Amino acid sequence: MVTHARKLLTIITEAALEGVLVRDIERLGAHGYTITDARGKGRRGVRSAGWDASSNIRIEILCDQETASEIAAHCRKKYYDNYAMTLFLVDVGVMRPEKF
């Protein structure tokens, strides 16, 4: 099986940021993303999985290194100081590189 190197950037953050983050992600060059609800506990306490303003979302973006770096840097600069947000980056292999 042949795979092609890409990055998986995952953003876990407050659901209230969904609309603005989607616009940022698209503007910064991502071809797509997946958003799911998220719940758990961290430094800022326990978060439920309801789709209201106090819930969390998980955004996953498959893209190239440059796009992942730009989105991550933008999120850190614009949102880290005022919102609960976690970013992580993983190397992945995709089978249809033209999609990402």
C-alpha atoms as a PDB file:
ATOM      1  CA  MET A   1       0.000   0.000   0.000  1.00  0.00           C
ATOM      2  CA  VAL A   2       1.404   3.390  -1.021  1.00  0.00           C
ATOM      3  CA  THR A   3       0.834   6.332   1.306  1.00  0.00           C
ATOM      4  CA  HIS A   4       1.804   9.992   1.101  1.00  0.00           C
ATOM      5  CA  ALA A   5       3.015  12.066   4.044  1.00  0.00           C
ATOM      6  CA  ARG A   6       0.646  14.665   5.482  1.00  0.00           C
ATOM      7  CA  LYS A   7      -0.014  16.200   8.890  1.00  0.00           C
ATOM      8  CA  LEU A   8      -3.061  15.791  11.102  1.00  0.00           C
ATOM      9  CA  LEU A   9      -3.594  18.980  13.086  1.00  0.00           C
ATOM     10  CA  THR A  10      -6.099  18.565  15.903  1.00  0.00           C
ATOM     11  CA  ILE A  11      -7.618  21.531  17.705  1.00  0.00           C
ATOM     12  CA  ILE A  12      -9.661  20.971  20.850  1.00  0.00           C
ATOM     13  CA  THR A  13     -11.369  24.156  21.961  1.00  0.00           C
ATOM     14  CA  GLU A  14     -14.539  25.895  23.047  1.00  0.00           C
ATOM     15  CA  ALA A  15     -17.560  25.377  20.784  1.00  0.00           C
ATOM     16  CA  ALA A  16     -18.158  29.132  20.763  1.00  0.00           C
ATOM     17  CA  LEU A  17     -15.128  29.475  18.451  1.00  0.00           C
ATOM     18  CA  GLU A  18     -16.421  27.095  15.763  1.00  0.00           C
ATOM     19  CA  GLY A  19     -17.621  29.677  13.230  1.00  0.00           C
ATOM     20  CA  VAL A  20     -14.581  31.929  13.410  1.00  0.00           C
ATOM     21  CA  LEU A  21     -12.150  28.988  13.421  1.00  0.00           C
ATOM     22  CA  VAL A  22     -13.762  27.471  10.326  1.00  0.00           C
ATOM     23  CA  ARG A  23     -13.295  30.788   8.502  1.00  0.00           C
ATOM     24  CA  ASP A  24      -9.666  30.995   9.692  1.00  0.00           C
ATOM     25  CA  ILE A  25      -8.929  27.386   8.668  1.00  0.00           C
ATOM     26  CA  GLU A  26     -10.338  27.878   5.178  1.00  0.00           C
ATOM     27  CA  ARG A  27      -8.606  31.246   4.721  1.00  0.00           C
ATOM     28  CA  LEU A  28      -5.278  29.711   5.729  1.00  0.00           C
ATOM     29  CA  GLY A  29      -5.491  27.059   3.007  1.00  0.00           C
ATOM     30  CA  ALA A  30      -7.008  23.871   4.441  1.00  0.00           C
ATOM     31  CA  HIS A  31      -9.058  21.906   1.911  1.00  0.00           C
ATOM     32  CA  GLY A  32     -11.384  20.558   4.582  1.00  0.00           C
ATOM     33  CA  TYR A  33     -11.840  19.629   8.213  1.00  0.00           C
ATOM     34  CA  THR A  34     -13.889  17.417  10.504  1.00  0.00           C
ATOM     35  CA  ILE A  35     -15.612  18.761  13.616  1.00  0.00           C
ATOM     36  CA  THR A  36     -16.945  16.586  16.438  1.00  0.00           C
ATOM     37  CA  ASP A  37     -18.131  17.303  19.939  1.00  0.00           C
ATOM     38  CA  ALA A  38     -15.627  16.679  22.724  1.00  0.00           C
ATOM     39  CA  ARG A  39     -15.752  16.258  26.461  1.00  0.00           C
ATOM     40  CA  GLY A  40     -13.186  15.788  29.175  1.00  0.00           C
ATOM     41  CA  LYS A  41     -11.321  17.409  32.007  1.00  0.00           C
ATOM     42  CA  GLY A  42      -8.317  19.691  31.960  1.00  0.00           C
ATOM     43  CA  ARG A  43      -6.829  22.725  33.672  1.00  0.00           C
ATOM     44  CA  ARG A  44     -10.024  24.667  33.083  1.00  0.00           C
ATOM     45  CA  GLY A  45     -12.266  21.991  34.613  1.00  0.00           C
ATOM     46  CA  VAL A  46     -14.759  19.469  33.280  1.00  0.00           C
ATOM     47  CA  ARG A  47     -16.405  20.212  29.926  1.00  0.00           C
ATOM     48  CA  SER A  48     -19.644  18.591  28.782  1.00  0.00           C
ATOM     49  CA  ALA A  49     -20.347  17.410  25.233  1.00  0.00           C
ATOM     50  CA  GLY A  50     -23.568  19.344  24.594  1.00  0.00           C
ATOM     51  CA  TRP A  51     -23.611  21.712  21.632  1.00  0.00           C
ATOM     52  CA  ASP A  52     -24.040  24.836  23.719  1.00  0.00           C
ATOM     53  CA  ALA A  53     -21.648  27.690  24.448  1.00  0.00           C
ATOM     54  CA  SER A  54     -19.962  25.833  27.332  1.00  0.00           C
ATOM     55  CA  SER A  55     -19.080  22.707  25.359  1.00  0.00           C
ATOM     56  CA  ASN A  56     -15.916  21.731  23.506  1.00  0.00           C
ATOM     57  CA  ILE A  57     -15.285  20.719  19.914  1.00  0.00           C
ATOM     58  CA  ARG A  58     -12.507  18.769  18.240  1.00  0.00           C
ATOM     59  CA  ILE A  59     -11.419  19.971  14.800  1.00  0.00           C
ATOM     60  CA  GLU A  60      -9.244  17.661  12.722  1.00  0.00           C
ATOM     61  CA  ILE A  61      -7.443  18.944   9.643  1.00  0.00           C
ATOM     62  CA  LEU A  62      -5.430  16.781   7.231  1.00  0.00           C
ATOM     63  CA  CYS A  63      -3.035  18.989   5.288  1.00  0.00           C
ATOM     64  CA  ASP A  64       0.579  19.630   4.357  1.00  0.00           C
ATOM     65  CA  GLN A  65       3.213  20.782   6.859  1.00  0.00           C
ATOM     66  CA  GLU A  66       3.103  24.430   5.781  1.00  0.00           C
ATOM     67  CA  THR A  67      -0.676  24.735   6.148  1.00  0.00           C
ATOM     68  CA  ALA A  68      -0.638  22.950   9.516  1.00  0.00           C
ATOM     69  CA  SER A  69       2.101  25.262  10.786  1.00  0.00           C
ATOM     70  CA  GLU A  70       0.260  28.391   9.631  1.00  0.00           C
ATOM     71  CA  ILE A  71      -3.028  27.341  11.235  1.00  0.00           C
ATOM     72  CA  ALA A  72      -1.325  26.331  14.488  1.00  0.00           C
ATOM     73  CA  ALA A  73       0.654  29.592  14.702  1.00  0.00           C
ATOM     74  CA  HIS A  74      -2.482  31.624  13.998  1.00  0.00           C
ATOM     75  CA  CYS A  75      -4.456  29.795  16.705  1.00  0.00           C
ATOM     76  CA  ARG A  76      -1.695  30.221  19.262  1.00  0.00           C
ATOM     77  CA  LYS A  77      -1.366  33.925  18.506  1.00  0.00           C
ATOM     78  CA  LYS A  78      -5.068  34.779  18.337  1.00  0.00           C
ATOM     79  CA  TYR A  79      -6.794  32.414  20.778  1.00  0.00           C
ATOM     80  CA  TYR A  80      -4.405  30.830  23.318  1.00  0.00           C
ATOM     81  CA  ASP A  81      -4.459  33.717  25.797  1.00  0.00           C
ATOM     82  CA  ASN A  82      -8.248  33.947  26.111  1.00  0.00           C
ATOM     83  CA  TYR A  83      -9.740  30.526  25.302  1.00  0.00           C
ATOM     84  CA  ALA A  84      -9.336  26.924  26.369  1.00  0.00           C
ATOM     85  CA  MET A  85      -7.455  25.398  23.433  1.00  0.00           C
ATOM     86  CA  THR A  86      -5.162  22.444  22.832  1.00  0.00           C
ATOM     87  CA  LEU A  87      -3.322  21.830  19.557  1.00  0.00           C
ATOM     88  CA  PHE A  88      -1.411  18.751  18.523  1.00  0.00           C
ATOM     89  CA  LEU A  89       0.200  17.596  15.302  1.00  0.00           C
ATOM     90  CA  VAL A  90       0.712  14.021  14.104  1.00  0.00           C
ATOM     91  CA  ASP A  91       2.477  12.612  11.035  1.00  0.00           C
ATOM     92  CA  VAL A  92       0.060  10.539   8.951  1.00  0.00           C
ATOM     93  CA  GLY A  93       0.051   8.703   5.626  1.00  0.00           C
ATOM     94  CA  VAL A  94      -2.854   9.292   3.235  1.00  0.00           C
ATOM     95  CA  MET A  95      -3.816   7.296   0.170  1.00  0.00           C
ATOM     96  CA  ARG A  96      -5.321  10.138  -1.860  1.00  0.00           C
ATOM     97  CA  PRO A  97      -2.847  13.027  -1.481  1.00  0.00           C
ATOM     98  CA  GLU A  98      -4.701  15.304  -3.918  1.00  0.00           C
ATOM     99  CA  LYS A  99      -7.476  15.672  -1.323  1.00  0.00           C
ATOM    100  CA  PHE A 100      -5.118  17.167   1.257  1.00  0.00           C
END
